[in-house]
Amino acid sequence: MIVRGSIPLSRSIMVDPSIPPRYTGPRVLAESLSAFAKASAAGARWDREGLRDDAEYRDLGFAAATNGRIGVKHVRALKRLPAPTGWHWHDLTAHYVYVLRGWLTFRFAGVEGDVTLRAGDGLSQPAGVAHNVIARADDLEVLEINEPAEYGTWDLPEPPPPWR
């Protein structure tokens, strides 16, 4: 299911040549709006310097390629989720999660009921809205796409409505 409201779906189309592009192009590589970057699985570096000690994180190079505008991480579970993450929020302008393997279940402030994503599902997580990951598969793998690449996370002292 795709929810769109009044915003069109993202797509690339051939446009009317009388409509000017957003910038002059095509550009040569040295003048591109983002850097050329390739992330390879061979020799990939995983680290545990993320929010959770039960997962590891792999930076896919978008932060460097976009000068910090966009971050993309491959996140995978290392062990069983010991407990729900607790209610928290991130100071992002956009946050997207795509499940590669397994499943995870969220609760969001202002959303009735649990939200479960399975392999192949994606979610535009409402930026700045409090949420809690209450369960996940032991073999969970996701791609997280964030704008900006670096952001802060704040814990809440108590659950927000409707979860109080």
Foldseek 3Di string as FASTA:
>chain_A
DDDDPPHDDDDDDDDDPVDDDPDDDDDDQVPDQWHDAAADPVPFDWACPDDDNQKIKGWGCRCNRNVQFKTKIKMWGNFFDPFKPAKKAKQFCWKKKAWQAWKWWKDWAPDPDIDMDHHGDMDTDHHGTIMITGGIDNGTIMMMMTGGNDIDMDHDPDDHPPVD
